[in-house]
Amino acid sequence: MTLFGRLWGRFITVHTRPMYAADMPYAGTENSDDAQCAIVIQGPIRHEKDFTLETVKLYGKHYPAATVILSTWEDENISAFESLGSEKFKVIRNKKPSNPGGSNINMQIVSTKAGVDKAVQMGLKYVLKTRSDQRMYGIDSLKFLKNMLECFPVLHCELQRKRIITNNTGTNRSVPHHLADLFMFGDAADMQLYWTSDVVTADFYVEAYLFQQFLKKTGWEIINTNENFMSALGKRCIIVDNESVDVYWPKNSPRHVNVLREYRLRDYLNPAFGMSFKSWLNDAYMPAKKSLESKHGTS
């Protein structure tokens, strides 16, 4: 045990990750699962330590069959990306909206939708939405996420093809419909519907607004309660643990909870706040499944 651990009465763990793709020992192989997927990286380019550039390189190394789409802004310097010219890598330069919106929601909507639209135009079936200041280190994640969609079909809905998957970082079960939008995977058509939204001028929880808009489009009756939120999660979504995909987010401000806990959900500290795969399965999916079985007389 370290000195700090003894002083604090805590076990301390450390998780290191290579900064540069060249230092990553793993290289993926081309496969049909990944070939159906687009990884959309949205937002301004993070130039510090070539973070976004190295992220694109890492995805090309881990997922050589997938298409990587960088959806950024027309005033960004993209010269460093020109050497990556490939049929599997696309850059979209968007015009910034005149009103960025609270928490830059309109910026996120514009850049994400442009990337998703490009994926649909290319005939890709699945989309992983990520941020330009985040990096997914996990291997075989696209296949894992696709398999999750097959294992957990949407319950009792014809307007949504497959579930929407997010990780546990940012989903807040204490705020109705506060579904994390940082990392999101789904059927390309569902993702296109999710990110097709009008310009937002009001100030409210961005995550809840986006999820509620999607639910309305797919026939869900919105009731502003935690019970309605949990029911929607159980029937329409999947929450995966960040440890499964290992998304790194180098946020600088200590106010961001993920910095303080390095993405590990210590659910014993505040079980009413966070969502993990375990709590999604126990508290959202199984109750929704049992409720439908009871209504239809199945078991």
C-alpha atoms as a PDB file:
ATOM      1  CA  MET A   1       0.000   0.000   0.000  1.00  0.00           C
ATOM      2  CA  THR A   2       1.234   3.518  -0.819  1.00  0.00           C
ATOM      3  CA  LEU A   3       1.892   6.204   1.783  1.00  0.00           C
ATOM      4  CA  PHE A   4      -1.149   8.163   0.582  1.00  0.00           C
ATOM      5  CA  GLY A   5      -3.252   5.046   0.863  1.00  0.00           C
ATOM      6  CA  ARG A   6      -2.181   4.457   4.443  1.00  0.00           C
ATOM      7  CA  LEU A   7      -2.817   8.096   5.393  1.00  0.00           C
ATOM      8  CA  TRP A   8      -6.269   8.174   3.793  1.00  0.00           C
ATOM      9  CA  GLY A   9      -7.281   4.635   4.674  1.00  0.00           C
ATOM     10  CA  ARG A  10      -7.941   3.950   0.998  1.00  0.00           C
ATOM     11  CA  PHE A  11      -6.704   1.539  -1.677  1.00  0.00           C
ATOM     12  CA  ILE A  12      -5.393   3.550  -4.638  1.00  0.00           C
ATOM     13  CA  THR A  13      -5.365   2.364  -8.253  1.00  0.00           C
ATOM     14  CA  VAL A  14      -3.728   3.932 -11.310  1.00  0.00           C
ATOM     15  CA  HIS A  15      -4.771   3.534 -14.952  1.00  0.00           C
ATOM     16  CA  THR A  16      -2.250   4.589 -17.609  1.00  0.00           C
ATOM     17  CA  ARG A  17      -2.926   4.852 -21.351  1.00  0.00           C
ATOM     18  CA  PRO A  18      -0.569   5.512 -24.275  1.00  0.00           C
ATOM     19  CA  MET A  19      -0.812   9.094 -25.563  1.00  0.00           C
ATOM     20  CA  TYR A  20       0.120   8.133 -29.099  1.00  0.00           C
ATOM     21  CA  ALA A  21      -1.317   5.492 -31.398  1.00  0.00           C
ATOM     22  CA  ALA A  22       2.159   4.267 -32.356  1.00  0.00           C
ATOM     23  CA  ASP A  23       2.727   3.210 -28.741  1.00  0.00           C
ATOM     24  CA  MET A  24      -0.426   1.097 -28.622  1.00  0.00           C
ATOM     25  CA  PRO A  25       0.654  -2.563 -28.906  1.00  0.00           C
ATOM     26  CA  TYR A  26      -2.722  -3.810 -30.159  1.00  0.00           C
ATOM     27  CA  ALA A  27      -3.764  -3.685 -33.811  1.00  0.00           C
ATOM     28  CA  GLY A  28      -7.216  -4.802 -34.908  1.00  0.00           C
ATOM     29  CA  THR A  29      -8.079  -6.760 -38.033  1.00  0.00           C
ATOM     30  CA  GLU A  30     -10.645  -5.971 -40.696  1.00  0.00           C
ATOM     31  CA  ASN A  31     -13.967  -7.687 -40.082  1.00  0.00           C
ATOM     32  CA  SER A  32     -17.546  -7.464 -41.308  1.00  0.00           C
ATOM     33  CA  ASP A  33     -18.899  -6.173 -37.974  1.00  0.00           C
ATOM     34  CA  ASP A  34     -16.714  -3.077 -37.948  1.00  0.00           C
ATOM     35  CA  ALA A  35     -17.193  -2.492 -41.677  1.00  0.00           C
ATOM     36  CA  GLN A  36     -20.855  -1.655 -41.007  1.00  0.00           C
ATOM     37  CA  CYS A  37     -19.936   1.052 -38.494  1.00  0.00           C
ATOM     38  CA  ALA A  38     -19.033   4.719 -38.530  1.00  0.00           C
ATOM     39  CA  ILE A  39     -17.202   6.387 -35.667  1.00  0.00           C
ATOM     40  CA  VAL A  40     -18.281  10.037 -35.666  1.00  0.00           C
ATOM     41  CA  ILE A  41     -15.895  12.358 -33.824  1.00  0.00           C
ATOM     42  CA  GLN A  42     -17.668  15.687 -33.330  1.00  0.00           C
ATOM     43  CA  GLY A  43     -16.515  19.051 -32.068  1.00  0.00           C
ATOM     44  CA  PRO A  44     -13.502  21.369 -32.176  1.00  0.00           C
ATOM     45  CA  ILE A  45     -10.125  19.774 -32.753  1.00  0.00           C
ATOM     46  CA  ARG A  46      -8.100  19.330 -29.577  1.00  0.00           C
ATOM     47  CA  HIS A  47      -4.565  20.205 -30.657  1.00  0.00           C
ATOM     48  CA  GLU A  48      -2.828  19.713 -27.311  1.00  0.00           C
ATOM     49  CA  LYS A  49      -0.511  16.723 -27.731  1.00  0.00           C
ATOM     50  CA  ASP A  50      -2.298  16.145 -31.076  1.00  0.00           C
ATOM     51  CA  PHE A  51      -5.109  14.592 -29.081  1.00  0.00           C
ATOM     52  CA  THR A  52      -7.775  14.460 -31.802  1.00  0.00           C
ATOM     53  CA  LEU A  53      -5.255  13.526 -34.495  1.00  0.00           C
ATOM     54  CA  GLU A  54      -3.900  10.659 -32.404  1.00  0.00           C
ATOM     55  CA  THR A  55      -7.461   9.567 -31.644  1.00  0.00           C
ATOM     56  CA  VAL A  56      -8.172   9.227 -35.366  1.00  0.00           C
ATOM     57  CA  LYS A  57      -4.947   7.250 -35.792  1.00  0.00           C
ATOM     58  CA  LEU A  58      -5.825   4.991 -32.865  1.00  0.00           C
ATOM     59  CA  TYR A  59      -9.268   4.218 -34.279  1.00  0.00           C
ATOM     60  CA  GLY A  60      -7.694   3.440 -37.637  1.00  0.00           C
ATOM     61  CA  LYS A  61      -5.363   1.020 -35.857  1.00  0.00           C
ATOM     62  CA  HIS A  62      -7.998  -0.623 -33.655  1.00  0.00           C
ATOM     63  CA  TYR A  63     -10.835  -0.612 -36.205  1.00  0.00           C
ATOM     64  CA  PRO A  64      -9.316  -0.667 -39.716  1.00  0.00           C
ATOM     65  CA  ALA A  65     -12.614  -1.724 -41.326  1.00  0.00           C
ATOM     66  CA  ALA A  66     -14.694   1.037 -39.719  1.00  0.00           C
ATOM     67  CA  THR A  67     -15.195   4.491 -41.224  1.00  0.00           C
ATOM     68  CA  VAL A  68     -13.999   7.388 -39.069  1.00  0.00           C
ATOM     69  CA  ILE A  69     -15.766  10.722 -39.649  1.00  0.00           C
ATOM     70  CA  LEU A  70     -14.366  13.897 -38.085  1.00  0.00           C
ATOM     71  CA  SER A  71     -17.142  16.499 -38.009  1.00  0.00           C
ATOM     72  CA  THR A  72     -15.643  19.820 -36.961  1.00  0.00           C
ATOM     73  CA  TRP A  73     -15.793  23.536 -37.855  1.00  0.00           C
ATOM     74  CA  GLU A  74     -14.852  25.432 -40.998  1.00  0.00           C
ATOM     75  CA  ASP A  75     -12.380  27.639 -39.096  1.00  0.00           C
ATOM     76  CA  GLU A  76     -10.371  24.664 -37.791  1.00  0.00           C
ATOM     77  CA  ASN A  77      -6.880  23.921 -39.109  1.00  0.00           C
ATOM     78  CA  ILE A  78      -7.074  20.394 -40.507  1.00  0.00           C
ATOM     79  CA  SER A  79      -3.703  20.283 -42.292  1.00  0.00           C
ATOM     80  CA  ALA A  80      -2.361  17.639 -39.890  1.00  0.00           C
ATOM     81  CA  PHE A  81      -5.160  15.284 -40.962  1.00  0.00           C
ATOM     82  CA  GLU A  82      -4.441  15.520 -44.691  1.00  0.00           C
ATOM     83  CA  SER A  83      -1.767  12.835 -44.477  1.00  0.00           C
ATOM     84  CA  LEU A  84      -4.443  10.399 -43.265  1.00  0.00           C
ATOM     85  CA  GLY A  85      -6.231  10.466 -46.607  1.00  0.00           C
ATOM     86  CA  SER A  86      -8.175   7.230 -46.903  1.00  0.00           C
ATOM     87  CA  GLU A  87     -11.558   5.930 -47.998  1.00  0.00           C
ATOM     88  CA  LYS A  88     -12.106   5.066 -44.341  1.00  0.00           C
ATOM     89  CA  PHE A  89     -11.504   8.600 -43.047  1.00  0.00           C
ATOM     90  CA  LYS A  90     -13.664  11.623 -43.827  1.00  0.00           C
ATOM     91  CA  VAL A  91     -13.528  15.229 -42.612  1.00  0.00           C
ATOM     92  CA  ILE A  92     -16.588  17.491 -42.535  1.00  0.00           C
ATOM     93  CA  ARG A  93     -16.145  21.219 -41.900  1.00  0.00           C
ATOM     94  CA  ASN A  94     -19.376  22.776 -40.677  1.00  0.00           C
ATOM     95  CA  LYS A  95     -20.504  26.368 -40.351  1.00  0.00           C
ATOM     96  CA  LYS A  96     -21.032  27.241 -36.706  1.00  0.00           C
ATOM     97  CA  PRO A  97     -24.603  28.081 -35.689  1.00  0.00           C
ATOM     98  CA  SER A  98     -25.150  31.746 -34.834  1.00  0.00           C
ATOM     99  CA  ASN A  99     -26.531  30.715 -31.453  1.00  0.00           C
ATOM    100  CA  PRO A 100     -24.361  28.055 -29.761  1.00  0.00           C
ATOM    101  CA  GLY A 101     -27.084  27.402 -27.186  1.00  0.00           C
ATOM    102  CA  GLY A 102     -26.769  26.553 -23.519  1.00  0.00           C
ATOM    103  CA  SER A 103     -23.869  24.141 -22.915  1.00  0.00           C
ATOM    104  CA  ASN A 104     -23.146  24.525 -26.664  1.00  0.00           C
ATOM    105  CA  ILE A 105     -26.095  22.268 -27.448  1.00  0.00           C
ATOM    106  CA  ASN A 106     -26.593  23.702 -30.949  1.00  0.00           C
ATOM    107  CA  MET A 107     -22.894  23.234 -31.712  1.00  0.00           C
ATOM    108  CA  GLN A 108     -23.190  19.594 -30.680  1.00  0.00           C
ATOM    109  CA  ILE A 109     -26.379  19.047 -32.674  1.00  0.00           C
ATOM    110  CA  VAL A 110     -24.967  20.577 -35.879  1.00  0.00           C
ATOM    111  CA  SER A 111     -21.640  18.716 -35.830  1.00  0.00           C
ATOM    112  CA  THR A 112     -23.128  15.403 -34.727  1.00  0.00           C
ATOM    113  CA  LYS A 113     -25.955  15.460 -37.253  1.00  0.00           C
ATOM    114  CA  ALA A 114     -23.550  16.274 -40.097  1.00  0.00           C
ATOM    115  CA  GLY A 115     -21.413  13.281 -39.166  1.00  0.00           C
ATOM    116  CA  VAL A 116     -24.381  10.943 -38.791  1.00  0.00           C
ATOM    117  CA  ASP A 117     -25.880  12.161 -42.082  1.00  0.00           C
ATOM    118  CA  LYS A 118     -22.573  11.377 -43.801  1.00  0.00           C
ATOM    119  CA  ALA A 119     -22.596   7.861 -42.359  1.00  0.00           C
ATOM    120  CA  VAL A 120     -26.152   7.293 -43.596  1.00  0.00           C
ATOM    121  CA  GLN A 121     -25.225   8.686 -47.013  1.00  0.00           C
ATOM    122  CA  MET A 122     -22.361   6.168 -47.177  1.00  0.00           C
ATOM    123  CA  GLY A 123     -24.755   3.312 -46.437  1.00  0.00           C
ATOM    124  CA  LEU A 124     -23.310   2.464 -43.021  1.00  0.00           C
ATOM    125  CA  LYS A 125     -25.683   0.691 -40.644  1.00  0.00           C
ATOM    126  CA  TYR A 126     -24.408   1.718 -37.222  1.00  0.00           C
ATOM    127  CA  VAL A 127     -22.999   4.919 -35.757  1.00  0.00           C
ATOM    128  CA  LEU A 128     -20.844   5.514 -32.705  1.00  0.00           C
ATOM    129  CA  LYS A 129     -20.967   9.179 -31.675  1.00  0.00           C
ATOM    130  CA  THR A 130     -17.970  10.457 -29.707  1.00  0.00           C
ATOM    131  CA  ARG A 131     -16.404  13.815 -28.876  1.00  0.00           C
ATOM    132  CA  SER A 132     -13.190  15.278 -30.254  1.00  0.00           C
ATOM    133  CA  ASP A 133     -11.848  15.645 -26.702  1.00  0.00           C
ATOM    134  CA  GLN A 134     -12.546  12.029 -25.770  1.00  0.00           C
ATOM    135  CA  ARG A 135     -10.850   8.814 -26.822  1.00  0.00           C
ATOM    136  CA  MET A 136     -12.089   5.229 -26.695  1.00  0.00           C
ATOM    137  CA  TYR A 137      -9.215   2.915 -25.819  1.00  0.00           C
ATOM    138  CA  GLY A 138     -11.241  -0.292 -25.534  1.00  0.00           C
ATOM    139  CA  ILE A 139     -10.700  -2.934 -28.212  1.00  0.00           C
ATOM    140  CA  ASP A 140     -13.471  -4.861 -30.001  1.00  0.00           C
ATOM    141  CA  SER A 141     -15.918  -2.229 -28.751  1.00  0.00           C
ATOM    142  CA  LEU A 142     -17.897  -1.897 -31.983  1.00  0.00           C
ATOM    143  CA  LYS A 143     -18.589  -5.630 -32.101  1.00  0.00           C
ATOM    144  CA  PHE A 144     -19.462  -5.553 -28.398  1.00  0.00           C
ATOM    145  CA  LEU A 145     -21.946  -2.697 -28.873  1.00  0.00           C
ATOM    146  CA  LYS A 146     -23.540  -4.368 -31.896  1.00  0.00           C
ATOM    147  CA  ASN A 147     -23.937  -7.584 -29.924  1.00  0.00           C
ATOM    148  CA  MET A 148     -25.586  -5.671 -27.088  1.00  0.00           C
ATOM    149  CA  LEU A 149     -28.208  -4.421 -29.547  1.00  0.00           C
ATOM    150  CA  GLU A 150     -28.877  -7.987 -30.670  1.00  0.00           C
ATOM    151  CA  CYS A 151     -29.115  -9.307 -27.106  1.00  0.00           C
ATOM    152  CA  PHE A 152     -31.520  -6.582 -25.977  1.00  0.00           C
ATOM    153  CA  PRO A 153     -34.072  -5.719 -28.683  1.00  0.00           C
ATOM    154  CA  VAL A 154     -36.348  -2.717 -28.250  1.00  0.00           C
ATOM    155  CA  LEU A 155     -39.429  -3.615 -26.229  1.00  0.00           C
ATOM    156  CA  HIS A 156     -42.821  -2.894 -27.747  1.00  0.00           C
ATOM    157  CA  CYS A 157     -41.957  -0.140 -30.245  1.00  0.00           C
ATOM    158  CA  GLU A 158     -42.166  -0.061 -34.032  1.00  0.00           C
ATOM    159  CA  LEU A 159     -40.788   3.453 -34.563  1.00  0.00           C
ATOM    160  CA  GLN A 160     -37.351   2.752 -33.080  1.00  0.00           C
ATOM    161  CA  ARG A 161     -35.260   0.086 -34.790  1.00  0.00           C
ATOM    162  CA  LYS A 162     -32.805  -0.728 -32.021  1.00  0.00           C
ATOM    163  CA  ARG A 163     -31.880   0.524 -28.593  1.00  0.00           C
ATOM    164  CA  ILE A 164     -29.726   3.588 -28.003  1.00  0.00           C
ATOM    165  CA  ILE A 165     -26.560   2.724 -26.073  1.00  0.00           C
ATOM    166  CA  THR A 166     -24.664   5.160 -23.849  1.00  0.00           C
ATOM    167  CA  ASN A 167     -22.041   4.649 -21.183  1.00  0.00           C
ATOM    168  CA  ASN A 168     -22.551   5.437 -17.543  1.00  0.00           C
ATOM    169  CA  THR A 169     -20.524   8.673 -17.574  1.00  0.00           C
ATOM    170  CA  GLY A 170     -23.081  11.480 -17.556  1.00  0.00           C
ATOM    171  CA  THR A 171     -26.356   9.595 -17.149  1.00  0.00           C
ATOM    172  CA  ASN A 172     -28.134  10.927 -14.057  1.00  0.00           C
ATOM    173  CA  ARG A 173     -31.008   8.813 -12.799  1.00  0.00           C
ATOM    174  CA  SER A 174     -32.112  11.524 -10.356  1.00  0.00           C
ATOM    175  CA  VAL A 175     -33.045  13.924 -13.207  1.00  0.00           C
ATOM    176  CA  PRO A 176     -35.891  12.683 -15.460  1.00  0.00           C
ATOM    177  CA  HIS A 177     -34.676  11.677 -18.937  1.00  0.00           C
ATOM    178  CA  HIS A 178     -31.089  12.824 -18.290  1.00  0.00           C
ATOM    179  CA  LEU A 179     -29.468  10.338 -20.694  1.00  0.00           C
ATOM    180  CA  ALA A 180     -25.762  10.891 -21.379  1.00  0.00           C
ATOM    181  CA  ASP A 181     -25.018  12.199 -24.872  1.00  0.00           C
ATOM    182  CA  LEU A 182     -21.204  12.157 -24.732  1.00  0.00           C
ATOM    183  CA  PHE A 183     -20.807   8.613 -26.067  1.00  0.00           C
ATOM    184  CA  MET A 184     -23.681   7.044 -27.986  1.00  0.00           C
ATOM    185  CA  PHE A 185     -24.135   4.033 -30.273  1.00  0.00           C
ATOM    186  CA  GLY A 186     -27.100   2.887 -32.292  1.00  0.00           C
ATOM    187  CA  ASP A 187     -28.690   2.018 -35.596  1.00  0.00           C
ATOM    188  CA  ALA A 188     -27.800   4.749 -38.101  1.00  0.00           C
ATOM    189  CA  ALA A 189     -31.454   5.638 -38.759  1.00  0.00           C
ATOM    190  CA  ASP A 190     -32.190   5.916 -35.028  1.00  0.00           C
ATOM    191  CA  MET A 191     -29.106   8.054 -34.505  1.00  0.00           C
ATOM    192  CA  GLN A 192     -30.117  10.319 -37.365  1.00  0.00           C
ATOM    193  CA  LEU A 193     -33.541  10.767 -35.787  1.00  0.00           C
ATOM    194  CA  TYR A 194     -32.002  11.405 -32.356  1.00  0.00           C
ATOM    195  CA  TRP A 195     -29.748  14.191 -33.623  1.00  0.00           C
ATOM    196  CA  THR A 196     -32.251  15.885 -35.916  1.00  0.00           C
ATOM    197  CA  SER A 197     -33.383  18.780 -33.766  1.00  0.00           C
ATOM    198  CA  ASP A 198     -34.399  22.417 -34.062  1.00  0.00           C
ATOM    199  CA  VAL A 199     -32.128  25.190 -32.817  1.00  0.00           C
ATOM    200  CA  VAL A 200     -32.430  25.446 -29.044  1.00  0.00           C
ATOM    201  CA  THR A 201     -32.806  28.854 -27.407  1.00  0.00           C
ATOM    202  CA  ALA A 202     -34.025  27.974 -23.900  1.00  0.00           C
ATOM    203  CA  ASP A 203     -31.699  27.011 -21.060  1.00  0.00           C
ATOM    204  CA  PHE A 204     -32.316  23.574 -19.554  1.00  0.00           C
ATOM    205  CA  TYR A 205     -30.760  20.146 -19.154  1.00  0.00           C
ATOM    206  CA  VAL A 206     -29.364  19.454 -22.617  1.00  0.00           C
ATOM    207  CA  GLU A 207     -29.295  15.689 -22.174  1.00  0.00           C
ATOM    208  CA  ALA A 208     -32.910  15.520 -21.032  1.00  0.00           C
ATOM    209  CA  TYR A 209     -34.081  17.714 -23.912  1.00  0.00           C
ATOM    210  CA  LEU A 210     -32.445  15.553 -26.577  1.00  0.00           C
ATOM    211  CA  PHE A 211     -33.726  12.291 -25.121  1.00  0.00           C
ATOM    212  CA  GLN A 212     -37.250  13.618 -24.666  1.00  0.00           C
ATOM    213  CA  GLN A 213     -37.335  14.863 -28.258  1.00  0.00           C
ATOM    214  CA  PHE A 214     -36.269  11.428 -29.491  1.00  0.00           C
ATOM    215  CA  LEU A 215     -38.830   9.657 -27.320  1.00  0.00           C
ATOM    216  CA  LYS A 216     -41.622  11.888 -28.630  1.00  0.00           C
ATOM    217  CA  LYS A 217     -40.629  11.143 -32.232  1.00  0.00           C
ATOM    218  CA  THR A 218     -40.824   7.423 -31.510  1.00  0.00           C
ATOM    219  CA  GLY A 219     -44.224   7.478 -29.835  1.00  0.00           C
ATOM    220  CA  TRP A 220     -43.305   7.616 -26.158  1.00  0.00           C
ATOM    221  CA  GLU A 221     -45.617   9.473 -23.765  1.00  0.00           C
ATOM    222  CA  ILE A 222     -43.406  11.840 -21.790  1.00  0.00           C
ATOM    223  CA  ILE A 223     -44.167  12.185 -18.093  1.00  0.00           C
ATOM    224  CA  ASN A 224     -41.623  14.255 -16.199  1.00  0.00           C
ATOM    225  CA  THR A 225     -40.919  11.658 -13.521  1.00  0.00           C
ATOM    226  CA  ASN A 226     -38.043   9.351 -12.660  1.00  0.00           C
ATOM    227  CA  GLU A 227     -40.403   6.395 -13.086  1.00  0.00           C
ATOM    228  CA  ASN A 228     -41.101   7.381 -16.691  1.00  0.00           C
ATOM    229  CA  PHE A 229     -37.368   7.824 -17.278  1.00  0.00           C
ATOM    230  CA  MET A 230     -36.500   4.401 -15.874  1.00  0.00           C
ATOM    231  CA  SER A 231     -39.247   2.796 -17.939  1.00  0.00           C
ATOM    232  CA  ALA A 232     -37.861   4.426 -21.092  1.00  0.00           C
ATOM    233  CA  LEU A 233     -34.363   3.238 -20.229  1.00  0.00           C
ATOM    234  CA  GLY A 234     -35.660  -0.279 -19.715  1.00  0.00           C
ATOM    235  CA  LYS A 235     -37.511  -0.422 -23.030  1.00  0.00           C
ATOM    236  CA  ARG A 236     -35.463   1.788 -25.335  1.00  0.00           C
ATOM    237  CA  CYS A 237     -31.850   2.079 -24.125  1.00  0.00           C
ATOM    238  CA  ILE A 238     -28.825   0.255 -22.755  1.00  0.00           C
ATOM    239  CA  ILE A 239     -26.297   1.656 -20.289  1.00  0.00           C
ATOM    240  CA  VAL A 240     -22.845   0.081 -20.525  1.00  0.00           C
ATOM    241  CA  ASP A 241     -20.065   0.572 -18.002  1.00  0.00           C
ATOM    242  CA  ASN A 242     -17.230   2.785 -19.138  1.00  0.00           C
ATOM    243  CA  GLU A 243     -14.783   0.047 -18.179  1.00  0.00           C
ATOM    244  CA  SER A 244     -16.166  -1.966 -21.113  1.00  0.00           C
ATOM    245  CA  VAL A 245     -15.155   0.649 -23.704  1.00  0.00           C
ATOM    246  CA  ASP A 246     -12.569   2.660 -21.738  1.00  0.00           C
ATOM    247  CA  VAL A 247     -13.382   6.198 -22.853  1.00  0.00           C
ATOM    248  CA  TYR A 248     -10.771   8.704 -21.660  1.00  0.00           C
ATOM    249  CA  TRP A 249     -11.805  12.339 -21.175  1.00  0.00           C
ATOM    250  CA  PRO A 250      -8.971  14.736 -20.240  1.00  0.00           C
ATOM    251  CA  LYS A 251     -11.194  17.368 -18.689  1.00  0.00           C
ATOM    252  CA  ASN A 252      -9.218  19.951 -16.746  1.00  0.00           C
ATOM    253  CA  SER A 253     -11.830  21.207 -14.319  1.00  0.00           C
ATOM    254  CA  PRO A 254     -12.190  19.338 -11.000  1.00  0.00           C
ATOM    255  CA  ARG A 255     -15.922  20.054 -11.047  1.00  0.00           C
ATOM    256  CA  HIS A 256     -16.313  17.203 -13.530  1.00  0.00           C
ATOM    257  CA  VAL A 257     -17.076  14.109 -11.513  1.00  0.00           C
ATOM    258  CA  ASN A 258     -15.366  11.777 -13.998  1.00  0.00           C
ATOM    259  CA  VAL A 259     -11.992  13.386 -13.229  1.00  0.00           C
ATOM    260  CA  LEU A 260     -12.399  12.723  -9.542  1.00  0.00           C
ATOM    261  CA  ARG A 261     -13.281   9.065  -9.908  1.00  0.00           C
ATOM    262  CA  GLU A 262     -11.570   8.213 -13.208  1.00  0.00           C
ATOM    263  CA  TYR A 263     -14.812   6.828 -14.600  1.00  0.00           C
ATOM    264  CA  ARG A 264     -15.218   4.098 -12.009  1.00  0.00           C
ATOM    265  CA  LEU A 265     -18.763   4.183 -10.713  1.00  0.00           C
ATOM    266  CA  ARG A 266     -18.546   3.797  -6.951  1.00  0.00           C
ATOM    267  CA  ASP A 267     -22.226   3.067  -6.605  1.00  0.00           C
ATOM    268  CA  TYR A 268     -22.025   2.615  -2.851  1.00  0.00           C
ATOM    269  CA  LEU A 269     -21.388   6.384  -2.448  1.00  0.00           C
ATOM    270  CA  ASN A 270     -24.619   7.636  -4.030  1.00  0.00           C
ATOM    271  CA  PRO A 271     -26.803   4.859  -5.451  1.00  0.00           C
ATOM    272  CA  ALA A 272     -29.615   7.301  -6.297  1.00  0.00           C
ATOM    273  CA  PHE A 273     -27.460   9.283  -8.724  1.00  0.00           C
ATOM    274  CA  GLY A 274     -25.478   7.200 -11.209  1.00  0.00           C
ATOM    275  CA  MET A 275     -26.387   4.436 -13.635  1.00  0.00           C
ATOM    276  CA  SER A 276     -24.276   1.398 -14.418  1.00  0.00           C
ATOM    277  CA  PHE A 277     -25.027  -1.644 -16.538  1.00  0.00           C
ATOM    278  CA  LYS A 278     -25.836  -3.444 -13.305  1.00  0.00           C
ATOM    279  CA  SER A 279     -28.365  -0.851 -12.122  1.00  0.00           C
ATOM    280  CA  TRP A 280     -29.812  -0.513 -15.643  1.00  0.00           C
ATOM    281  CA  LEU A 281     -30.373  -4.270 -15.794  1.00  0.00           C
ATOM    282  CA  ASN A 282     -31.760  -4.552 -12.257  1.00  0.00           C
ATOM    283  CA  ASP A 283     -33.797  -1.359 -12.014  1.00  0.00           C
ATOM    284  CA  ALA A 284     -34.817  -0.573 -15.605  1.00  0.00           C
ATOM    285  CA  TYR A 285     -34.644  -3.512 -18.011  1.00  0.00           C
ATOM    286  CA  MET A 286     -35.940  -6.355 -15.837  1.00  0.00           C
ATOM    287  CA  PRO A 287     -38.953  -4.389 -14.482  1.00  0.00           C
ATOM    288  CA  ALA A 288     -39.854  -3.316 -18.034  1.00  0.00           C
ATOM    289  CA  LYS A 289     -39.496  -6.866 -19.343  1.00  0.00           C
ATOM    290  CA  LYS A 290     -41.552  -8.370 -16.512  1.00  0.00           C
ATOM    291  CA  SER A 291     -44.251  -5.724 -16.945  1.00  0.00           C
ATOM    292  CA  LEU A 292     -44.654  -6.548 -20.633  1.00  0.00           C
ATOM    293  CA  GLU A 293     -44.640 -10.289 -19.935  1.00  0.00           C
ATOM    294  CA  SER A 294     -47.351  -9.801 -17.330  1.00  0.00           C
ATOM    295  CA  LYS A 295     -49.513  -7.815 -19.759  1.00  0.00           C
ATOM    296  CA  HIS A 296     -49.123 -10.360 -22.553  1.00  0.00           C
ATOM    297  CA  GLY A 297     -49.229 -13.463 -20.365  1.00  0.00           C
ATOM    298  CA  THR A 298     -45.726 -14.700 -21.211  1.00  0.00           C
ATOM    299  CA  SER A 299     -42.837 -15.780 -19.023  1.00  0.00           C
END
